[in-house]
Amino acid sequence: MKQVIIATKNIGKAKDFEAIFKPYGFEVLTLHDVADDMDVEETGKTFEENAILKAEALAERLQTIVLADDSGLAIDALDGAPGVYSARYAGKEKSDEANMEKVLKELANVEDEKRTARFCCAIALAGPNLKTKTVFATCEGMIAKEKKGTNGFGYDPIFYVPTLGKMMAELQSSEKAEISHRGNAIKKIEEVLPNLLK
């Protein structure tokens, strides 16, 4: 069976991608399965650059097709921060709580209509004899003044989705998949897969 490696140790993320690749006869593996020790330095200035770095480094090392994503939060009032530093915005130890607290503190005096933000996701697909392909998608919303909801991870408890009238962390996983940045990026990569995998 053909294999595709998802450059993540996040089981939930891997499940999202499994649904796409199965119809093409691909077995989906994660870094847990193949390269637990593999850590690519994310030195890119954009989500796309980081996704490409990860996908190409792993594809080169493992000599197989690799899909990598890089995602995060961009807040207009903070000039696009935390951006590519979303996971470690409050420090190297990657604490969701600390990251949210930092954002809420920085936006403390920003009025409601200026708290616009978006989740961003870039996906890169690389492999031997394959021209690296990237897609990019977003999910628009607002930063709330306090946390609410227990689903999801990262900044979900402070990200309000106006079209649904709920926080991202209040959505069921199926609802989130429909509107999320990663869900939207997955739809885009799905559209180009048939031509890429011929």
Protein backbone atom coordinates (compact mmCIF):
# COMPACT_ATOMS: atom_id res chain seq x y z
CA MET A 1 0.00 0.00 0.00
CA LYS A 2 1.25 3.50 -0.84
CA GLN A 3 2.05 5.66 2.16
CA VAL A 4 1.79 9.33 2.96
CA ILE A 5 3.40 10.77 6.08
CA ILE A 6 1.60 13.54 7.94
CA ALA A 7 4.26 15.67 9.62
CA THR A 8 2.57 15.75 13.01
CA LYS A 9 2.36 13.87 16.29
CA ASN A 10 -1.20 15.12 16.75
CA ILE A 11 -3.54 12.13 16.33
CA GLY A 12 -6.59 14.35 15.75
CA LYS A 13 -4.87 16.12 12.89
CA ALA A 14 -3.83 12.80 11.35
CA LYS A 15 -7.45 11.57 11.40
CA ASP A 16 -8.54 14.64 9.40
CA PHE A 17 -6.06 13.80 6.67
CA GLU A 18 -6.73 10.07 6.73
CA ALA A 19 -10.24 10.68 5.42
CA ILE A 20 -8.83 12.43 2.34
CA PHE A 21 -6.08 10.02 1.36
CA LYS A 22 -7.92 6.73 1.94
CA PRO A 23 -9.89 6.87 -1.34
CA TYR A 24 -6.57 7.08 -3.22
CA GLY A 25 -5.31 3.91 -1.58
CA PHE A 26 -2.82 5.62 0.72
CA GLU A 27 -2.01 4.51 4.22
CA VAL A 28 -1.63 7.55 6.49
CA LEU A 29 1.27 7.51 8.98
CA THR A 30 2.40 10.18 11.45
CA LEU A 31 5.79 11.08 12.91
CA HIS A 32 5.00 8.66 15.76
CA ASP A 33 5.12 5.84 13.20
CA VAL A 34 8.24 6.79 11.28
CA ALA A 35 10.43 9.49 12.78
CA ASP A 36 9.63 10.28 16.37
CA ASP A 37 12.91 12.16 16.72
CA MET A 38 12.40 14.31 13.61
CA ASP A 39 12.14 17.97 14.47
CA VAL A 40 12.47 20.54 11.71
CA GLU A 41 13.52 24.05 12.72
CA GLU A 42 10.67 26.35 11.69
CA THR A 43 12.64 29.39 10.55
CA GLY A 44 10.17 30.64 7.93
CA LYS A 45 8.64 34.12 8.05
CA THR A 46 5.25 32.84 6.81
CA PHE A 47 3.01 29.83 7.43
CA GLU A 48 3.69 28.66 3.85
CA GLU A 49 7.48 28.81 4.31
CA ASN A 50 7.30 26.74 7.50
CA ALA A 51 4.98 24.14 5.95
CA ILE A 52 7.34 23.78 2.95
CA LEU A 53 10.41 23.50 5.22
CA LYS A 54 8.81 20.66 7.19
CA ALA A 55 7.37 18.79 4.19
CA GLU A 56 10.54 18.94 2.06
CA ALA A 57 12.94 18.06 4.90
CA LEU A 58 10.91 14.99 5.84
CA ALA A 59 10.25 13.93 2.23
CA GLU A 60 14.00 14.11 1.57
CA ARG A 61 14.84 12.09 4.68
CA LEU A 62 12.10 9.47 4.33
CA GLN A 63 11.96 9.32 0.52
CA THR A 64 8.18 9.30 0.45
CA ILE A 65 5.24 11.71 0.11
CA VAL A 66 4.90 14.02 3.11
CA LEU A 67 2.19 16.47 4.01
CA ALA A 68 2.96 19.21 6.53
CA ASP A 69 0.88 22.08 7.79
CA ASP A 70 1.67 25.23 9.69
CA SER A 71 -1.07 27.23 11.26
CA GLY A 72 -1.71 29.98 13.75
CA LEU A 73 -3.60 33.11 14.68
CA ALA A 74 -3.22 36.54 13.07
CA ILE A 75 -4.74 39.51 14.94
CA ASP A 76 -5.20 42.77 13.03
CA ALA A 77 -4.77 45.06 16.06
CA LEU A 78 -1.41 43.35 16.76
CA ASP A 79 -0.17 43.74 13.16
CA GLY A 80 -0.68 40.06 12.41
CA ALA A 81 0.82 38.70 15.65
CA PRO A 82 1.17 36.09 17.05
CA GLY A 83 1.40 34.73 13.47
CA VAL A 84 4.08 32.08 12.94
CA TYR A 85 4.92 32.35 16.66
CA SER A 86 1.39 31.33 17.74
CA ALA A 87 2.42 28.11 19.52
CA ARG A 88 5.14 29.77 21.59
CA TYR A 89 3.82 33.33 21.81
CA ALA A 90 4.15 33.54 25.59
CA GLY A 91 7.37 31.53 25.77
CA LYS A 92 9.24 28.47 24.52
CA GLU A 93 7.31 25.99 26.68
CA LYS A 94 4.18 26.26 24.44
CA SER A 95 1.37 26.90 26.92
CA ASP A 96 -2.12 27.49 25.47
CA GLU A 97 -3.21 29.22 28.69
CA ALA A 98 -0.23 31.57 28.79
CA ASN A 99 -0.62 32.38 25.09
CA MET A 100 -4.31 33.31 25.53
CA GLU A 101 -3.56 35.40 28.62
CA LYS A 102 -0.90 37.33 26.72
CA VAL A 103 -3.29 38.07 23.82
CA LEU A 104 -6.11 39.14 26.15
CA LYS A 105 -3.74 41.44 28.02
CA GLU A 106 -2.43 43.01 24.81
CA LEU A 107 -5.98 43.63 23.56
CA ALA A 108 -7.32 44.87 26.93
CA ASN A 109 -7.92 48.42 25.66
CA VAL A 110 -8.94 47.54 22.10
CA GLU A 111 -12.63 48.14 21.36
CA ASP A 112 -14.85 45.33 20.07
CA GLU A 113 -14.98 46.25 16.37
CA LYS A 114 -11.17 46.40 16.15
CA ARG A 115 -10.63 42.89 17.58
CA THR A 116 -10.76 41.21 14.15
CA ALA A 117 -8.56 38.15 13.63
CA ARG A 118 -8.21 35.03 11.57
CA PHE A 119 -6.87 31.54 11.99
CA CYS A 120 -4.50 30.71 9.10
CA CYS A 121 -3.40 27.33 7.77
CA ALA A 122 -0.85 26.50 5.08
CA ILE A 123 -0.46 22.92 3.86
CA ALA A 124 2.53 21.73 1.82
CA LEU A 125 2.74 18.39 0.01
CA ALA A 126 6.21 17.23 -1.01
CA GLY A 127 7.77 14.01 -2.21
CA PRO A 128 10.39 12.41 -4.45
CA ASN A 129 9.83 13.55 -8.08
CA LEU A 130 6.95 15.73 -6.92
CA LYS A 131 6.82 19.51 -7.34
CA THR A 132 5.96 20.82 -3.85
CA LYS A 133 2.40 22.11 -3.75
CA THR A 134 1.02 24.51 -1.13
CA VAL A 135 -2.47 25.74 -0.29
CA PHE A 136 -3.51 28.44 2.17
CA ALA A 137 -6.83 29.05 3.91
CA THR A 138 -8.25 31.13 6.75
CA CYS A 139 -11.18 31.31 9.15
CA GLU A 140 -12.32 34.85 10.02
CA GLY A 141 -13.42 35.84 13.51
CA MET A 142 -12.98 38.16 16.49
CA ILE A 143 -10.99 37.93 19.70
CA ALA A 144 -13.36 37.81 22.66
CA LYS A 145 -12.67 39.49 26.00
CA GLU A 146 -12.75 36.25 27.96
CA LYS A 147 -12.39 32.52 27.45
CA LYS A 148 -15.39 30.31 26.82
CA GLY A 149 -15.86 26.67 25.77
CA THR A 150 -13.88 23.51 26.41
CA ASN A 151 -13.57 21.93 22.94
CA GLY A 152 -10.58 22.37 20.68
CA PHE A 153 -7.13 23.62 21.65
CA GLY A 154 -4.80 26.57 21.20
CA TYR A 155 -6.65 29.88 20.96
CA ASP A 156 -10.09 28.32 20.34
CA PRO A 157 -11.58 29.52 23.70
CA ILE A 158 -11.01 33.21 22.83
CA PHE A 159 -11.81 33.04 19.10
CA TYR A 160 -15.40 34.10 18.35
CA VAL A 161 -16.97 32.97 15.06
CA PRO A 162 -19.59 35.64 14.15
CA THR A 163 -21.29 33.52 11.47
CA LEU A 164 -22.12 30.87 14.09
CA GLY A 165 -22.48 33.14 17.13
CA LYS A 166 -20.16 30.86 19.12
CA MET A 167 -16.58 30.53 20.26
CA MET A 168 -14.44 28.08 18.30
CA ALA A 169 -14.10 26.10 21.57
CA GLU A 170 -17.92 25.73 21.77
CA LEU A 171 -18.17 23.96 18.41
CA GLN A 172 -18.47 20.20 17.94
CA SER A 173 -15.57 18.78 15.91
CA SER A 174 -17.84 18.26 12.87
CA GLU A 175 -18.97 21.92 12.99
CA LYS A 176 -15.39 23.08 13.39
CA ALA A 177 -14.20 21.00 10.42
CA GLU A 178 -16.77 22.75 8.23
CA ILE A 179 -15.51 26.28 8.89
CA SER A 180 -12.00 26.01 10.34
CA HIS A 181 -8.81 27.20 8.64
CA ARG A 182 -7.50 23.63 8.57
CA GLY A 183 -10.83 22.31 7.26
CA ASN A 184 -10.75 24.91 4.47
CA ALA A 185 -7.12 24.14 3.61
CA ILE A 186 -7.90 20.41 3.55
CA LYS A 187 -10.73 21.08 1.04
CA LYS A 188 -8.25 22.97 -1.16
CA ILE A 189 -5.59 20.23 -1.07
CA GLU A 190 -8.33 17.68 -1.79
CA GLU A 191 -9.14 19.53 -5.02
CA VAL A 192 -5.56 19.27 -6.32
CA LEU A 193 -4.80 15.73 -5.09
CA PRO A 194 -6.09 13.80 -8.13
CA ASN A 195 -3.64 15.61 -10.45
CA LEU A 196 -0.77 15.45 -7.95
CA LEU A 197 -1.09 11.74 -7.21
CA LYS A 198 -1.51 10.47 -10.76
